[in-house]
């Protein structure tokens, strides 16, 4: 019956992984927007 700490640890790891995925998504979208703006600027000029 010593299963609670491990399950809590697993949830913590899952939360961290979710946070990391969110961070990567945000970073990817940011890079995409910046690249898009850069390309548009290059094309318009």
Foldseek 3Di string as FASTA:
>chain_A
DPCVVVVVVVVVVVVVVVVVVVVVVVVVVVVVVVVVVVVVVVVVD
